[in-house]
């Protein structure tokens, strides 16, 4: 559960950092939320001991993206609060504000 700016708790589907809905909801809660999927994908792609690799990123994109990669997977994160065009690992794509993109490497 996270708190909103006015101190109210967020327990439903709109809780950005929650892994599942609150069990205090009338529905019984426990519904999986997007953050749980993200953490599962991250853990599967980058388990402990993963050998990380450098990824080419366009010079103009370096201040705005963070990239993590191994031999099979690239994770690109937009650190800006607006949509950007990015180029990483030889591919160009749009990223929404604070968005992520998973790429498979050949």
Foldseek 3Di string as FASTA:
>chain_A
DDADPVGDDDFDQPPVQDQWGDCPDPVSTPHGHPNVVVVVVCCVQDPPPADWDDKDWPPVCVVFWDWTHGQFKIKIWGAAQAKDWIAINRDIDIAGGRGMDMDTHD
